Each structure stands twice: as structure tokens, then as C-alpha cells.
Amino acid sequence: MKADTHPDYHEITIVQTDGTEFKTRSTYGKPGDVMKLDVDPLSHPAWQGGTGQVIEKGQLDKFQSRYGSFTASGSKKKEEKDA
């Protein structure tokens, strides 16, 4: 095996958005470096009720208006128009 083909794997400190810290091993930076996260499970909507936020922004309504005819409720509306 060739020498020096793998990156250095060392311990760093991760700082989450609420200030909590933990140590992990990574190839990021140099040994002892600190990585401050802008997005983590404490702040990202995917981990904090993301579905509700998508509905609040109207994305679900937009999808249903575009593709509603492919759903069961969309086909009922089509039948009502035909009658």
C-alpha cells in the first residue's frame, strides 16, 4: 500500500447551534480544531416539525392544485364537473 494516501483522522470538537459541544473524530482541519455548526438537529426544520412548516408555506396546496387530478379527491371533483 502506498504511504500517505489516507487523510489524517484526528479528534475535533463540534459546537451545535445551542452552544453544546461534543468531541468526535474527523478528517476536518487539524487535531483540536473546533467546527461550529450553522444547521443541526436542534435548528433544522426537518428535525423540528418540518412537515407542518411545509404545509404552512402553502406547498401542499400548490402540489394539490397542480396534481390533484391524480388523487382520489381530484377525480371526485372531475366527476362533479362532468355531471
N, C-alpha and C. Protein backbone atom coordinates (compact mmCIF):
# COMPACT_ATOMS: atom_id res chain seq x y z
N MET A 1 0.84 -1.18 0.00
CA MET A 1 0.00 0.00 0.00
C MET A 1 0.88 1.24 0.00
N LYS A 2 0.46 2.27 -0.75
CA LYS A 2 1.24 3.50 -0.84
C LYS A 2 1.18 4.25 0.49
N ALA A 3 2.25 4.90 0.83
CA ALA A 3 2.31 5.71 2.05
C ALA A 3 1.62 7.05 1.80
N ASP A 4 1.04 7.63 2.82
CA ASP A 4 0.43 8.97 2.79
C ASP A 4 -0.73 9.10 1.79
N THR A 5 -1.50 8.04 1.58
CA THR A 5 -2.65 8.13 0.68
C THR A 5 -3.93 8.46 1.43
N HIS A 6 -3.98 8.22 2.72
CA HIS A 6 -5.18 8.48 3.51
C HIS A 6 -5.04 9.79 4.27
N PRO A 7 -6.14 10.55 4.41
CA PRO A 7 -6.07 11.80 5.18
C PRO A 7 -5.89 11.51 6.67
N ASP A 8 -5.39 12.50 7.37
CA ASP A 8 -5.19 12.39 8.82
C ASP A 8 -6.56 12.34 9.51
N TYR A 9 -6.76 11.36 10.35
CA TYR A 9 -8.01 11.16 11.09
C TYR A 9 -7.73 11.49 12.54
N HIS A 10 -8.33 12.55 13.07
CA HIS A 10 -7.98 13.06 14.40
C HIS A 10 -9.24 13.54 15.13
N GLU A 11 -9.07 13.94 16.38
CA GLU A 11 -10.19 14.38 17.21
C GLU A 11 -10.41 15.88 17.05
N ILE A 12 -11.72 16.27 16.87
CA ILE A 12 -12.10 17.68 16.81
C ILE A 12 -13.30 17.89 17.74
N THR A 13 -13.64 19.14 17.97
CA THR A 13 -14.79 19.48 18.79
C THR A 13 -15.88 20.07 17.90
N ILE A 14 -17.10 19.58 18.07
CA ILE A 14 -18.26 20.09 17.34
C ILE A 14 -19.07 20.97 18.29
N VAL A 15 -19.44 22.18 17.86
CA VAL A 15 -20.27 23.09 18.64
C VAL A 15 -21.59 23.25 17.92
N GLN A 16 -22.69 22.84 18.59
CA GLN A 16 -24.01 22.94 17.98
C GLN A 16 -24.56 24.35 18.12
N THR A 17 -25.72 24.61 17.49
CA THR A 17 -26.28 25.96 17.48
C THR A 17 -26.67 26.46 18.87
N ASP A 18 -26.96 25.55 19.80
CA ASP A 18 -27.32 25.98 21.16
C ASP A 18 -26.10 26.10 22.06
N GLY A 19 -24.91 25.86 21.53
CA GLY A 19 -23.68 26.01 22.31
C GLY A 19 -23.15 24.72 22.91
N THR A 20 -23.91 23.62 22.86
CA THR A 20 -23.42 22.36 23.38
C THR A 20 -22.28 21.85 22.50
N GLU A 21 -21.34 21.17 23.15
CA GLU A 21 -20.16 20.68 22.45
C GLU A 21 -20.03 19.18 22.64
N PHE A 22 -19.43 18.55 21.64
CA PHE A 22 -19.03 17.15 21.79
C PHE A 22 -17.81 16.90 20.92
N LYS A 23 -17.07 15.88 21.28
CA LYS A 23 -15.85 15.53 20.54
C LYS A 23 -16.14 14.34 19.64
N THR A 24 -15.52 14.39 18.46
CA THR A 24 -15.64 13.29 17.51
C THR A 24 -14.35 13.20 16.73
N ARG A 25 -14.23 12.15 15.94
CA ARG A 25 -13.05 12.00 15.10
C ARG A 25 -13.44 12.35 13.66
N SER A 26 -12.54 13.05 12.96
CA SER A 26 -12.84 13.54 11.63
C SER A 26 -11.56 13.82 10.86
N THR A 27 -11.70 14.05 9.56
CA THR A 27 -10.57 14.50 8.74
C THR A 27 -10.61 16.02 8.58
N TYR A 28 -11.59 16.68 9.20
CA TYR A 28 -11.73 18.14 9.14
C TYR A 28 -10.59 18.83 9.86
N GLY A 29 -9.98 19.81 9.23
CA GLY A 29 -8.99 20.67 9.88
C GLY A 29 -7.79 19.95 10.45
N LYS A 30 -7.36 20.47 11.61
CA LYS A 30 -6.20 19.91 12.31
C LYS A 30 -6.66 19.35 13.65
N PRO A 31 -5.85 18.51 14.28
CA PRO A 31 -6.25 17.99 15.60
C PRO A 31 -6.55 19.13 16.56
N GLY A 32 -7.69 19.02 17.26
CA GLY A 32 -8.08 20.04 18.23
C GLY A 32 -8.90 21.18 17.66
N ASP A 33 -9.12 21.24 16.34
CA ASP A 33 -9.93 22.29 15.74
C ASP A 33 -11.37 22.22 16.24
N VAL A 34 -12.08 23.35 16.10
CA VAL A 34 -13.48 23.44 16.51
C VAL A 34 -14.33 23.70 15.26
N MET A 35 -15.39 22.90 15.08
CA MET A 35 -16.32 23.10 13.97
C MET A 35 -17.62 23.62 14.57
N LYS A 36 -18.00 24.85 14.19
CA LYS A 36 -19.26 25.44 14.66
C LYS A 36 -20.32 25.19 13.59
N LEU A 37 -21.41 24.55 13.99
CA LEU A 37 -22.48 24.22 13.06
C LEU A 37 -23.47 25.36 12.92
N ASP A 38 -23.86 25.65 11.68
CA ASP A 38 -24.92 26.63 11.41
C ASP A 38 -26.28 25.95 11.43
N VAL A 39 -26.32 24.68 11.04
CA VAL A 39 -27.55 23.90 10.97
C VAL A 39 -27.28 22.56 11.64
N ASP A 40 -28.19 22.16 12.52
CA ASP A 40 -28.08 20.87 13.20
C ASP A 40 -29.48 20.39 13.57
N PRO A 41 -29.60 19.21 14.16
CA PRO A 41 -30.93 18.70 14.51
C PRO A 41 -31.71 19.61 15.46
N LEU A 42 -31.04 20.52 16.15
CA LEU A 42 -31.72 21.42 17.07
C LEU A 42 -32.38 22.59 16.35
N SER A 43 -31.92 22.91 15.14
CA SER A 43 -32.42 24.10 14.47
C SER A 43 -33.04 23.85 13.10
N HIS A 44 -32.78 22.71 12.49
CA HIS A 44 -33.26 22.46 11.13
C HIS A 44 -34.72 22.00 11.13
N PRO A 45 -35.55 22.53 10.23
CA PRO A 45 -36.98 22.18 10.21
C PRO A 45 -37.25 20.70 9.95
N ALA A 46 -36.34 20.00 9.29
CA ALA A 46 -36.56 18.58 9.03
C ALA A 46 -36.63 17.80 10.34
N TRP A 47 -35.94 18.27 11.38
CA TRP A 47 -35.97 17.60 12.68
C TRP A 47 -36.92 18.29 13.65
N GLN A 48 -37.46 19.44 13.26
CA GLN A 48 -38.30 20.23 14.17
C GLN A 48 -39.68 20.48 13.60
N GLY A 49 -40.36 19.44 13.16
CA GLY A 49 -41.71 19.61 12.63
C GLY A 49 -41.73 20.18 11.24
N GLY A 50 -40.82 19.73 10.39
CA GLY A 50 -40.70 20.26 9.04
C GLY A 50 -41.97 20.11 8.21
N THR A 51 -42.72 19.05 8.41
CA THR A 51 -43.93 18.84 7.61
C THR A 51 -44.93 19.96 7.86
N GLY A 52 -45.10 20.36 9.09
CA GLY A 52 -46.02 21.45 9.41
C GLY A 52 -45.60 22.75 8.76
N GLN A 53 -44.31 23.01 8.71
CA GLN A 53 -43.84 24.24 8.10
C GLN A 53 -44.05 24.24 6.60
N VAL A 54 -43.91 23.08 5.97
CA VAL A 54 -44.15 22.99 4.53
C VAL A 54 -45.62 23.27 4.24
N ILE A 55 -46.51 22.72 5.05
CA ILE A 55 -47.94 22.96 4.86
C ILE A 55 -48.26 24.44 5.09
N GLU A 56 -47.64 25.04 6.10
CA GLU A 56 -47.88 26.44 6.39
C GLU A 56 -47.48 27.34 5.22
N LYS A 57 -46.45 26.96 4.51
CA LYS A 57 -45.98 27.79 3.40
C LYS A 57 -46.80 27.58 2.13
N GLY A 58 -47.80 26.70 2.19
CA GLY A 58 -48.67 26.52 1.04
C GLY A 58 -48.16 25.54 0.00
N GLN A 59 -47.09 24.83 0.30
CA GLN A 59 -46.54 23.90 -0.67
C GLN A 59 -47.49 22.75 -0.95
N LEU A 60 -48.18 22.28 0.06
CA LEU A 60 -49.13 21.19 -0.14
C LEU A 60 -50.28 21.63 -1.04
N ASP A 61 -50.81 22.82 -0.81
CA ASP A 61 -51.89 23.35 -1.67
C ASP A 61 -51.42 23.52 -3.11
N LYS A 62 -50.20 24.00 -3.25
CA LYS A 62 -49.65 24.18 -4.59
C LYS A 62 -49.53 22.83 -5.31
N PHE A 63 -49.07 21.82 -4.60
CA PHE A 63 -48.96 20.49 -5.18
C PHE A 63 -50.34 19.95 -5.56
N GLN A 64 -51.31 20.09 -4.66
CA GLN A 64 -52.64 19.57 -4.93
C GLN A 64 -53.31 20.29 -6.10
N SER A 65 -53.08 21.58 -6.24
CA SER A 65 -53.68 22.30 -7.36
C SER A 65 -53.06 21.86 -8.68
N ARG A 66 -51.80 21.49 -8.65
CA ARG A 66 -51.11 21.04 -9.85
C ARG A 66 -51.44 19.60 -10.22
N TYR A 67 -51.42 18.72 -9.21
CA TYR A 67 -51.54 17.30 -9.46
C TYR A 67 -52.76 16.67 -8.80
N GLY A 68 -53.73 17.46 -8.41
CA GLY A 68 -54.91 16.96 -7.71
C GLY A 68 -55.73 15.98 -8.51
N SER A 69 -55.68 16.07 -9.83
CA SER A 69 -56.49 15.16 -10.65
C SER A 69 -55.98 13.72 -10.56
N PHE A 70 -54.78 13.52 -10.08
CA PHE A 70 -54.23 12.17 -9.94
C PHE A 70 -54.60 11.51 -8.62
N THR A 71 -55.17 12.28 -7.70
CA THR A 71 -55.57 11.73 -6.40
C THR A 71 -57.04 11.40 -6.41
N ALA A 72 -57.49 10.64 -5.43
CA ALA A 72 -58.90 10.25 -5.35
C ALA A 72 -59.80 11.47 -5.22
N SER A 73 -59.40 12.43 -4.40
CA SER A 73 -60.23 13.63 -4.22
C SER A 73 -60.28 14.44 -5.51
N GLY A 74 -59.20 14.42 -6.27
CA GLY A 74 -59.17 15.14 -7.54
C GLY A 74 -60.11 14.52 -8.55
N SER A 75 -60.24 13.18 -8.55
CA SER A 75 -61.12 12.53 -9.51
C SER A 75 -62.58 12.78 -9.16
N LYS A 76 -62.90 12.96 -7.88
CA LYS A 76 -64.27 13.28 -7.47
C LYS A 76 -64.66 14.66 -8.00
N LYS A 77 -63.73 15.59 -7.94
CA LYS A 77 -64.00 16.94 -8.43
C LYS A 77 -64.26 16.90 -9.93
N LYS A 78 -63.51 16.07 -10.64
CA LYS A 78 -63.70 15.95 -12.08
C LYS A 78 -65.06 15.37 -12.40
N GLU A 79 -65.51 14.36 -11.61
CA GLU A 79 -66.80 13.75 -11.83
C GLU A 79 -67.92 14.76 -11.59
N GLU A 80 -67.74 15.63 -10.57
CA GLU A 80 -68.74 16.64 -10.26
C GLU A 80 -68.87 17.64 -11.40
N LYS A 81 -67.74 17.97 -12.05
CA LYS A 81 -67.78 18.91 -13.16
C LYS A 81 -68.48 18.30 -14.37
N ASP A 82 -68.28 16.99 -14.58
CA ASP A 82 -68.87 16.31 -15.71
C ASP A 82 -70.39 16.17 -15.56
N ALA A 83 -70.90 16.10 -14.35
CA ALA A 83 -72.33 15.85 -14.10
C ALA A 83 -73.19 17.05 -14.36
